Protein backbone atom coordinates (compact mmCIF):
# COMPACT_ATOMS: atom_id res chain seq x y z
CA MET A 1 -1.19 -5.05 -47.86
CA GLN A 2 0.16 -7.01 -44.75
CA SER A 3 3.76 -6.87 -45.13
CA LYS A 4 3.59 -3.51 -46.82
CA TYR A 5 1.87 -1.94 -43.58
CA LEU A 6 4.78 -4.09 -41.39
CA GLU A 7 7.40 -2.82 -43.78
CA ILE A 8 6.10 0.70 -43.26
CA ILE A 9 6.69 0.01 -39.45
CA GLN A 10 9.57 -1.29 -39.12
CA ASP A 11 11.16 1.22 -41.54
CA ILE A 12 10.61 4.17 -39.86
CA LYS A 13 11.13 2.38 -36.19
CA THR A 14 14.84 1.23 -37.73
CA GLN A 15 14.84 5.29 -38.54
CA LEU A 16 14.10 6.13 -34.87
CA ALA A 17 16.62 3.75 -33.42
CA LYS A 18 19.30 5.08 -35.57
CA GLY A 19 18.50 8.87 -35.02
CA ILE A 20 17.59 9.47 -38.49
CA LEU A 21 14.33 10.88 -37.40
CA ALA A 22 14.81 13.21 -34.66
CA THR A 23 11.91 14.16 -31.70
CA GLY A 24 9.35 16.32 -32.68
CA SER A 25 10.70 16.02 -36.79
CA LYS A 26 7.93 15.56 -38.81
CA LEU A 27 7.44 12.61 -41.04
CA PRO A 28 6.58 12.05 -44.79
CA SER A 29 3.21 12.80 -45.62
CA VAL A 30 0.78 9.98 -46.19
CA ARG A 31 1.18 10.38 -50.26
CA GLN A 32 5.01 10.66 -49.92
CA LEU A 33 4.82 7.05 -48.38
CA ALA A 34 1.94 5.38 -50.13
CA GLN A 35 4.50 6.38 -53.25
CA GLN A 36 7.65 5.24 -51.99
CA PHE A 37 6.19 1.86 -51.00
CA SER A 38 3.76 1.32 -53.62
CA CYS A 39 0.71 0.68 -51.67
CA SER A 40 -2.61 2.83 -50.65
CA LYS A 41 -3.08 5.35 -48.39
CA ASN A 42 -5.13 3.67 -46.21
CA THR A 43 -1.81 1.34 -45.83
CA VAL A 44 0.19 4.25 -44.63
CA ILE A 45 -2.57 5.39 -42.26
CA ARG A 46 -2.74 2.05 -40.38
CA ALA A 47 0.77 2.17 -40.30
CA TYR A 48 1.08 5.43 -38.53
CA HIS A 49 -2.30 4.22 -36.16
CA GLU A 50 -0.22 1.93 -35.40
CA LEU A 51 2.61 3.87 -34.27
CA GLU A 52 0.69 6.30 -32.41
CA LYS A 53 -0.71 3.67 -29.93
CA GLU A 54 3.32 2.46 -29.71
CA HIS A 55 3.55 6.62 -28.68
CA LEU A 56 6.22 6.55 -30.95
CA ILE A 57 4.54 9.28 -33.32
CA PHE A 58 1.63 11.62 -33.03
CA SER A 59 -0.71 13.69 -35.45
CA ILE A 60 -1.88 17.16 -35.30
CA PRO A 61 -5.00 17.86 -37.84
CA LYS A 62 -4.20 19.28 -41.09
CA SER A 63 -0.49 19.64 -40.33
CA GLY A 64 0.97 15.80 -39.98
CA TYR A 65 2.58 13.58 -37.25
CA TYR A 66 5.80 14.11 -35.93
CA VAL A 67 7.91 11.89 -34.14
CA VAL A 68 7.51 11.62 -30.14
CA ASN A 69 10.25 10.26 -28.69
CA LYS A 70 13.52 7.66 -30.15
CA ALA A 71 13.43 3.89 -30.52
CA THR A 72 16.67 4.13 -29.27
CA GLN A 73 18.39 1.58 -26.24
CA PRO A 74 16.20 0.40 -23.33
CA SER A 75 16.31 3.36 -20.51
CA THR A 76 18.51 2.89 -17.99
CA GLN A 77 15.51 4.98 -15.55
CA PRO A 78 13.67 2.17 -13.55
CA HIS A 79 10.50 1.11 -14.98
CA ILE A 80 7.67 3.22 -13.33
CA ILE A 81 3.82 2.80 -13.42
CA ASP A 82 2.53 6.35 -12.70
CA PHE A 83 -0.48 6.38 -10.99
CA LEU A 84 0.46 9.57 -9.06
CA SER A 85 1.31 12.38 -11.57
CA ALA A 86 -1.64 14.79 -12.06
CA GLY A 87 -0.27 17.13 -15.13
CA PRO A 88 -2.42 15.75 -18.49
CA ASP A 89 -0.39 13.38 -20.62
CA LYS A 90 2.40 14.69 -22.14
CA ARG A 91 2.39 12.39 -25.05
CA ILE A 92 -0.53 14.41 -26.50
CA MET A 93 0.17 17.95 -25.60
CA PRO A 94 0.40 20.79 -28.97
CA TYR A 95 4.17 21.37 -28.27
CA ILE A 96 4.54 22.19 -31.82
CA GLU A 97 1.21 23.91 -32.84
CA PHE A 98 0.81 26.07 -29.23
CA GLN A 99 4.91 27.25 -30.36
CA HIS A 100 3.95 28.37 -33.22
CA CYS A 101 1.26 30.58 -31.63
CA ILE A 102 4.02 31.88 -29.19
CA ASN A 103 5.48 33.06 -32.64
CA GLN A 104 2.98 34.25 -33.88
CA ALA A 105 1.73 36.17 -30.66
CA VAL A 106 5.58 37.85 -30.30
CA ASP A 107 4.71 39.45 -33.85
CA ILE A 108 1.40 40.46 -33.89
CA TYR A 109 0.86 41.67 -30.07
CA LYS A 110 4.61 43.68 -29.50
CA GLU A 111 3.37 46.74 -28.06
CA GLU A 112 0.65 44.66 -25.62
CA LEU A 113 3.56 41.71 -24.81
CA PHE A 114 6.38 44.14 -23.22
CA SER A 115 4.54 46.77 -21.41
CA TYR A 116 2.47 46.26 -18.53
CA ASN A 117 -1.09 45.31 -19.60
CA ASP A 118 -4.86 45.03 -18.01
CA GLN A 119 -4.78 44.09 -14.87
CA GLN A 120 -7.49 41.90 -15.78
CA GLY A 121 -6.08 40.28 -18.51
CA PHE A 122 -5.48 40.86 -22.18
CA TYR A 123 -8.96 42.09 -23.57
CA SER A 124 -8.51 40.07 -26.62
CA LEU A 125 -7.83 36.57 -24.99
CA ARG A 126 -11.43 37.44 -22.53
CA VAL A 127 -13.34 38.09 -25.25
CA GLN A 128 -12.02 34.75 -26.45
CA LEU A 129 -12.77 32.70 -23.45
CA VAL A 130 -16.43 34.50 -22.68
CA LYS A 131 -17.26 32.35 -26.56
CA TYR A 132 -15.14 29.09 -25.49
CA LEU A 133 -17.19 29.08 -21.64
CA GLN A 134 -20.60 29.15 -23.36
CA GLY A 135 -19.37 25.84 -24.84
CA LEU A 136 -19.69 25.46 -20.87
CA GLN A 137 -22.64 26.49 -20.59
CA VAL A 138 -21.50 29.78 -18.88
CA PHE A 139 -22.74 33.05 -20.16
CA THR A 140 -20.81 35.98 -19.13
CA ASN A 141 -19.62 39.17 -20.27
CA PRO A 142 -15.10 40.01 -20.91
CA GLU A 143 -15.90 42.14 -18.03
CA ARG A 144 -16.66 40.16 -15.30
CA LEU A 145 -13.52 37.84 -16.47
CA PHE A 146 -9.87 37.86 -14.69
CA ILE A 147 -7.21 35.59 -16.36
CA VAL A 148 -5.41 34.52 -13.19
CA SER A 149 -1.41 32.44 -13.23
CA GLY A 150 -3.29 29.36 -12.63
CA SER A 151 -6.94 28.49 -10.68
CA GLN A 152 -4.34 28.19 -7.74
CA GLN A 153 -4.09 31.93 -7.57
CA ALA A 154 -7.70 32.62 -7.69
CA LEU A 155 -8.41 29.96 -4.73
CA HIS A 156 -5.93 31.86 -2.31
CA LEU A 157 -6.98 35.04 -3.55
CA LEU A 158 -10.70 34.22 -2.51
CA ALA A 159 -9.49 32.63 0.48
CA SER A 160 -7.79 35.78 1.95
CA MET A 161 -10.18 38.56 0.54
CA PRO A 162 -13.34 39.85 2.09
CA PHE A 163 -16.33 39.21 0.59
CA PRO A 164 -19.67 41.11 0.28
CA ASN A 165 -21.83 38.69 3.06
CA GLY A 166 -19.14 40.32 5.63
CA LYS A 167 -18.73 36.48 6.43
CA HIS A 168 -15.16 35.05 7.37
CA ASN A 169 -15.31 31.29 6.98
CA ILE A 170 -15.53 28.53 4.84
CA LEU A 171 -16.55 25.14 4.14
CA VAL A 172 -15.11 22.67 2.02
CA GLU A 173 -15.90 19.00 0.72
CA GLN A 174 -14.12 15.83 2.26
CA PRO A 175 -12.06 15.03 1.08
CA THR A 176 -10.91 17.98 -1.21
CA TYR A 177 -7.83 19.41 -3.67
CA PHE A 178 -5.12 19.77 -1.22
CA GLY A 179 -4.18 23.22 -3.07
CA PHE A 180 -7.02 24.80 -1.33
CA ILE A 181 -6.48 22.89 2.12
CA GLU A 182 -3.24 24.42 2.21
CA SER A 183 -4.43 27.69 1.35
CA VAL A 184 -7.07 27.64 4.32
CA ARG A 185 -4.20 26.60 6.36
CA LEU A 186 -1.84 28.89 5.60
CA GLN A 187 -4.15 31.77 6.30
CA GLN A 188 -5.36 30.25 9.21
CA ALA A 189 -9.05 30.64 7.92
CA THR A 190 -11.49 28.85 10.07
CA THR A 191 -12.80 25.86 7.55
CA PHE A 192 -15.17 23.85 7.72
CA GLY A 193 -15.79 19.83 6.27
CA ILE A 194 -18.67 18.32 5.05
CA ASP A 195 -18.58 14.70 3.77
CA LEU A 196 -18.69 13.66 0.66
CA THR A 197 -19.05 10.40 -1.43
CA MET A 198 -20.01 8.97 -4.86
CA GLU A 199 -23.68 9.27 -3.40
CA GLY A 200 -22.85 12.93 -3.23
CA ILE A 201 -23.00 15.45 0.29
CA ASP A 202 -26.38 15.54 2.49
CA LEU A 203 -28.35 18.48 1.77
CA GLU A 204 -29.85 18.37 4.83
CA GLN A 205 -26.52 18.94 6.83
CA LEU A 206 -25.47 21.74 3.82
CA GLU A 207 -28.13 23.53 5.02
CA TYR A 208 -27.39 23.31 8.57
CA ILE A 209 -23.90 24.34 8.08
CA PHE A 210 -25.02 27.43 6.30
CA ARG A 211 -27.73 28.54 8.92
CA ASN A 212 -25.82 27.88 11.69
CA ASN A 213 -21.91 28.85 10.66
CA ALA A 214 -21.15 32.37 9.17
CA ILE A 215 -19.91 29.89 5.59
CA LYS A 216 -18.67 32.91 3.26
CA PHE A 217 -18.14 30.75 0.45
CA PHE A 218 -18.49 26.65 0.15
CA TYR A 219 -15.50 25.75 -2.05
CA ILE A 220 -16.51 22.86 -4.17
CA VAL A 221 -15.58 20.95 -7.23
CA PRO A 222 -18.77 19.92 -9.09
CA ARG A 223 -17.19 17.75 -11.87
CA PHE A 224 -14.54 14.79 -11.83
CA HIS A 225 -13.67 15.63 -8.35
CA ASN A 226 -10.57 15.44 -6.54
CA PRO A 227 -9.56 13.11 -5.15
CA LEU A 228 -12.86 10.70 -5.99
CA GLY A 229 -14.04 11.68 -9.23
CA HIS A 230 -17.33 12.32 -7.95
CA SER A 231 -19.61 14.85 -10.17
CA TYR A 232 -22.98 15.92 -8.94
CA THR A 233 -26.02 15.65 -10.85
CA ASN A 234 -28.12 19.06 -12.20
CA ASP A 235 -31.05 18.76 -9.74
CA GLU A 236 -28.15 18.49 -6.77
CA LYS A 237 -26.47 21.39 -8.05
CA LYS A 238 -29.38 23.77 -8.35
CA ARG A 239 -30.61 22.74 -5.13
CA ILE A 240 -26.89 23.86 -3.50
CA VAL A 241 -27.51 26.85 -5.37
CA GLU A 242 -31.06 27.39 -3.90
CA LEU A 243 -29.42 26.74 -0.06
CA ALA A 244 -26.34 29.71 -1.30
CA GLU A 245 -29.09 32.00 -1.96
CA LYS A 246 -31.18 31.50 0.63
CA TYR A 247 -28.28 31.89 3.44
CA ASP A 248 -26.05 34.64 1.61
CA VAL A 249 -23.41 32.39 1.15
CA TYR A 250 -20.91 32.12 -1.99
CA ILE A 251 -19.97 28.92 -4.43
CA VAL A 252 -16.46 29.03 -5.25
CA GLU A 253 -16.75 26.52 -7.99
CA ASP A 254 -13.73 24.84 -9.54
CA ASP A 255 -14.51 23.53 -12.94
CA PHE A 256 -11.02 21.81 -13.75
CA LEU A 257 -12.05 19.01 -15.72
CA GLY A 258 -15.30 20.14 -17.07
CA ASP A 259 -14.40 20.16 -20.65
CA LEU A 260 -13.57 16.08 -20.35
CA ASP A 261 -17.87 16.08 -19.15
CA PRO A 262 -19.37 13.20 -21.64
CA ASN A 263 -22.65 14.26 -20.72
CA THR A 264 -23.58 17.38 -22.76
CA LYS A 265 -26.33 17.99 -20.60
CA SER A 266 -24.51 18.56 -17.94
CA ASP A 267 -24.24 22.13 -16.33
CA PRO A 268 -22.21 24.08 -13.92
CA LEU A 269 -23.36 25.25 -11.03
CA PHE A 270 -23.10 28.65 -12.48
CA ALA A 271 -26.17 28.19 -14.89
CA TYR A 272 -28.21 27.93 -11.85
CA ASN A 273 -27.86 31.62 -11.08
CA PRO A 274 -25.59 33.58 -13.18
CA SER A 275 -26.09 37.13 -11.81
CA GLY A 276 -23.17 36.50 -9.04
CA ARG A 277 -23.55 34.09 -6.12
CA VAL A 278 -21.34 31.36 -8.40
CA ILE A 279 -17.39 31.96 -8.87
CA TYR A 280 -16.38 30.01 -11.94
CA ILE A 281 -12.74 29.29 -11.81
CA LYS A 282 -11.40 27.16 -14.84
CA SER A 283 -8.07 26.21 -15.39
CA PHE A 284 -5.87 25.20 -18.66
CA SER A 285 -2.93 23.22 -16.49
CA LYS A 286 -5.17 19.84 -16.56
CA VAL A 287 -6.67 20.04 -19.92
CA PHE A 288 -3.56 21.85 -21.78
CA LEU A 289 -0.06 23.02 -20.76
CA PRO A 290 0.34 23.49 -16.95
CA GLY A 291 3.61 25.57 -17.75
CA LEU A 292 1.46 28.21 -19.46
CA ARG A 293 -0.04 28.80 -16.14
CA VAL A 294 -3.19 30.84 -17.27
CA GLY A 295 -6.71 30.39 -15.44
CA VAL A 296 -10.44 32.17 -15.68
CA VAL A 297 -11.93 33.62 -12.62
CA VAL A 298 -15.79 34.86 -13.59
CA LEU A 299 -16.63 37.50 -10.53
CA PRO A 300 -20.19 39.32 -9.46
CA ALA A 301 -19.73 42.58 -10.51
CA LEU A 302 -19.30 43.19 -6.40
CA MET A 303 -16.65 41.92 -6.06
CA ILE A 304 -14.44 43.06 -8.80
CA ASN A 305 -12.57 46.23 -7.27
CA ASP A 306 -11.54 44.29 -4.37
CA PHE A 307 -10.18 41.03 -6.39
CA SER A 308 -8.09 43.76 -8.70
CA ARG A 309 -6.22 44.57 -5.29
CA TYR A 310 -6.03 41.59 -4.07
CA LYS A 311 -4.67 40.55 -7.31
CA PHE A 312 -2.37 43.57 -8.13
CA SER A 313 -0.67 43.02 -4.61
CA ALA A 314 0.48 39.26 -5.54
CA ASP A 315 1.70 39.57 -9.52
CA PHE A 316 0.48 42.74 -10.84
CA ASN A 317 -0.52 40.47 -13.97
CA SER A 318 -0.25 37.85 -15.41
CA SER A 319 2.18 36.28 -18.07
CA VAL A 320 1.09 38.00 -21.01
CA LEU A 321 2.83 36.34 -23.52
CA SER A 322 1.12 33.07 -22.31
CA GLN A 323 -2.00 35.36 -22.73
CA GLY A 324 -1.58 36.56 -26.28
CA ALA A 325 -0.27 32.70 -27.48
CA LEU A 326 -3.75 31.05 -25.85
CA ASP A 327 -5.43 33.73 -27.78
CA ILE A 328 -3.69 32.97 -30.67
CA TYR A 329 -4.58 29.31 -30.04
CA LEU A 330 -8.38 29.74 -29.15
CA LYS A 331 -9.00 31.84 -32.64
CA SER A 332 -7.67 29.22 -34.32
CA GLY A 333 -10.08 25.98 -33.76
CA MET A 334 -7.00 23.97 -32.28
CA PHE A 335 -8.09 24.29 -28.98
CA ASN A 336 -11.50 22.28 -29.68
CA SER A 337 -9.91 19.43 -32.13
CA HIS A 338 -7.56 18.80 -29.00
CA ILE A 339 -10.08 18.64 -26.06
CA LYS A 340 -11.53 15.98 -28.46
CA ALA A 341 -8.77 13.79 -28.64
CA ILE A 342 -8.00 14.45 -24.56
CA LYS A 343 -11.72 13.42 -23.98
CA GLU A 344 -11.27 10.27 -26.36
CA LEU A 345 -8.09 9.27 -24.45
CA TYR A 346 -8.98 10.03 -20.58
CA SER A 347 -12.30 8.39 -21.16
CA ARG A 348 -10.45 5.41 -22.52
CA LYS A 349 -7.97 5.32 -19.60
CA MET A 350 -10.71 5.60 -17.02
CA ASN A 351 -12.35 2.62 -18.37
CA THR A 352 -9.40 0.67 -18.73
CA LEU A 353 -8.69 1.23 -15.14
CA GLN A 354 -12.39 0.34 -13.92
CA ILE A 355 -12.28 -3.21 -15.60
CA ALA A 356 -8.86 -3.86 -14.04
CA CYS A 357 -10.18 -2.73 -10.68
CA GLU A 358 -13.56 -4.76 -11.17
CA ALA A 359 -11.71 -7.70 -12.24
CA LEU A 360 -8.70 -7.85 -10.17
CA LEU A 361 -9.49 -5.89 -6.89
CA PRO A 362 -10.68 -7.56 -3.98
CA ASN A 363 -14.34 -7.40 -2.88
CA HIS A 364 -13.33 -6.31 0.58
CA THR A 365 -12.42 -3.03 -1.13
CA PHE A 366 -14.35 0.00 -2.40
CA PHE A 367 -13.49 1.77 -5.48
CA THR A 368 -15.00 5.18 -6.96
CA ARG A 369 -16.51 4.59 -10.93
CA PRO A 370 -16.26 8.20 -12.51
CA THR A 371 -17.59 8.58 -16.08
CA SER A 372 -14.16 10.15 -17.16
CA GLY A 373 -11.81 12.98 -15.82
CA PHE A 374 -8.50 11.85 -13.96
CA TYR A 375 -9.27 10.56 -10.74
CA LEU A 376 -10.05 7.32 -9.23
CA SER A 377 -10.24 6.58 -5.50
CA ILE A 378 -9.86 3.16 -3.84
CA LEU A 379 -11.42 2.79 -0.25
CA LEU A 380 -9.18 0.19 2.04
CA PRO A 381 -10.32 -1.62 4.80
CA ALA A 382 -10.06 -0.44 7.86
CA HIS A 383 -6.87 -2.04 8.72
CA ILE A 384 -5.07 -1.37 6.26
CA SER A 385 -3.01 1.91 6.10
CA ALA A 386 -2.85 3.83 2.88
CA LYS A 387 0.39 5.26 3.73
CA GLN A 388 1.92 1.70 4.37
CA LEU A 389 0.36 0.29 0.92
CA VAL A 390 1.66 3.46 -1.13
CA HIS A 391 5.11 2.92 0.25
CA LEU A 392 5.29 -0.31 -0.29
CA LEU A 393 3.83 0.29 -3.89
CA HIS A 394 6.74 3.21 -4.46
CA GLU A 395 9.58 0.11 -3.32
CA LYS A 396 8.20 -0.83 -6.41
CA ASN A 397 8.06 1.51 -8.51
CA ILE A 398 4.47 2.09 -8.67
CA TRP A 399 3.36 5.56 -7.49
CA MET A 400 0.04 6.30 -5.75
CA ASP A 401 -1.26 9.44 -3.66
CA ASP A 402 -2.25 8.35 0.07
CA ALA A 403 -4.70 11.31 -0.46
CA ALA A 404 -3.88 11.87 3.44
CA ARG A 405 -3.22 16.02 2.35
CA MET A 406 -6.84 15.63 0.99
CA PHE A 407 -8.45 16.27 4.45
CA LEU A 408 -8.58 18.74 7.20
CA PRO A 409 -7.39 18.01 10.74
CA ALA A 410 -11.07 16.55 11.77
CA TYR A 411 -11.81 14.58 8.88
CA GLN A 412 -8.30 12.54 8.67
CA GLN A 413 -8.45 8.99 7.29
CA ASP A 414 -5.79 6.57 6.57
CA HIS A 415 -7.50 4.22 4.19
CA LEU A 416 -8.00 6.08 1.04
CA ILE A 417 -5.51 5.78 -2.13
CA ARG A 418 -6.21 7.98 -5.04
CA LEU A 419 -4.98 7.04 -8.91
CA SER A 420 -4.42 9.28 -11.55
CA ILE A 421 -4.99 8.36 -14.86
CA SER A 422 -3.40 11.21 -16.73
CA GLN A 423 0.29 10.62 -17.06
CA VAL A 424 -0.04 6.64 -16.81
CA ASP A 425 0.80 4.68 -19.66
CA GLU A 426 -2.67 2.45 -20.46
CA HIS A 427 -0.91 -0.49 -21.62
CA LEU A 428 0.84 -0.45 -17.64
CA ILE A 429 -2.78 0.03 -16.27
CA GLU A 430 -3.86 -3.57 -14.94
CA GLU A 431 -0.18 -4.49 -14.63
CA GLY A 432 -0.28 -1.92 -11.59
CA ILE A 433 -3.60 -2.99 -10.18
CA LYS A 434 -2.16 -6.24 -10.29
CA GLU A 435 0.63 -5.18 -8.19
CA LEU A 436 -1.72 -2.84 -6.16
CA VAL A 437 -3.28 -6.11 -4.86
CA TYR A 438 -0.25 -8.19 -4.30
CA CYS A 439 0.78 -5.57 -1.76
CA LEU A 440 -2.44 -5.51 -0.40
CA SER A 441 -2.18 -9.10 0.40
CA LEU A 442 0.72 -9.09 1.69
CA LEU A 443 -0.18 -6.60 4.20
CA GLU A 444 -3.05 -8.01 5.10
CA ARG A 445 -1.23 -11.74 6.09
CA HIS A 446 1.18 -9.17 8.36
CA LYS A 447 -1.57 -8.29 10.17
CA SER A 448 -3.13 -11.23 10.09
CA SER A 449 -0.01 -12.87 11.61
CA TYR A 450 0.24 -9.90 14.09
CA LYS A 451 -3.38 -10.31 15.02
CA ASN A 452 -2.33 -14.66 15.93
CA VAL A 453 0.62 -13.45 18.21
CA GLN A 454 -1.37 -11.13 19.91
CA HIS A 455 -3.74 -13.58 20.55
CA LEU A 456 -0.76 -15.84 22.01
CA LEU A 457 0.50 -13.06 24.30
């Protein structure tokens, strides 16, 4: 059995190298290969699983196995360890499945696709999204949903539009998602910050800010925060919503990675005030296809007219073709299978990264310990510049983010680096951390030498 299993792997690799099997082509079924090599189906499945681990093929439930890339000559591209990119892992994206959905959308929704559509979004998709959101403990109706061109559009519009409370200032966690930092900066919105660590925020400070600073809304990432990876407890979320209600503050909840939460009892903030205090935003860019540019925002009834006006001024309506294809994909049940697969992948990658950090990082560095998601951050010693470390690593083709853009000016620091596990090769994670530790030691020796020279002077 062992020789047959290896024989199947070698035969497929040879076909890939010679170009007999092209990128995206379908491989023979398990039954066909079992007959061809006179072996059991389990032997073929084992061979296919090994090729999946090497990212040479991928499987589609109820469809079969397909080629990811060609095992050709070594690439002339530099060997890159990518802890910077934050899009979904390209090797498990359901390209073929979704292409089928796009073709179906063109055929089924001809009239809707090629004419102006409902400003709030394709109604059939909104109905499907209501069902999907129920799995995330967000219970609402299609009339409160807006389809947006990615969550960034929703955030930008909310930062600029008036709110029913008549207030104008915005509160954000520090650090936070850089896209929202850029939106409030460009709009010159008065923005306050509140320190966030893996222990959460100071709720007494939050109450003080709510009471004294005319906060329009509090922008918060409740699960798998960017860049820290922090998640709030249900008790903390409930208390935050209570304070927002008490001081007439809205909450803009960016639950962009909520699908990856392994804790089935974890609720969004929306669950603690579904009537309208919490504005819930969900994106498909991180867990599905970024180029789809589809997100959804659940709004209180009071804000629907104003949001509709601001959305109209931006783009009238979001891509109807993308909406129609996503509608079909959700109806098919394929999205649930996809989410299950990526939850397992990202959880495994995050675990691998934390094991490497625990084993290799020096004692005077601190790293966050998210349960899943994309992001883990490393807090460097005060005398080490994150920018310098990231630059040194980049010269070695190891990409990371120094996180400077994720702070308001008043909170700026240069000691935090962000690592994203979404697109890094799993087998390169430990190597990347080893290089990080080596570059960190170089900077520390340089600082030590400089201090000795200064002392002699």
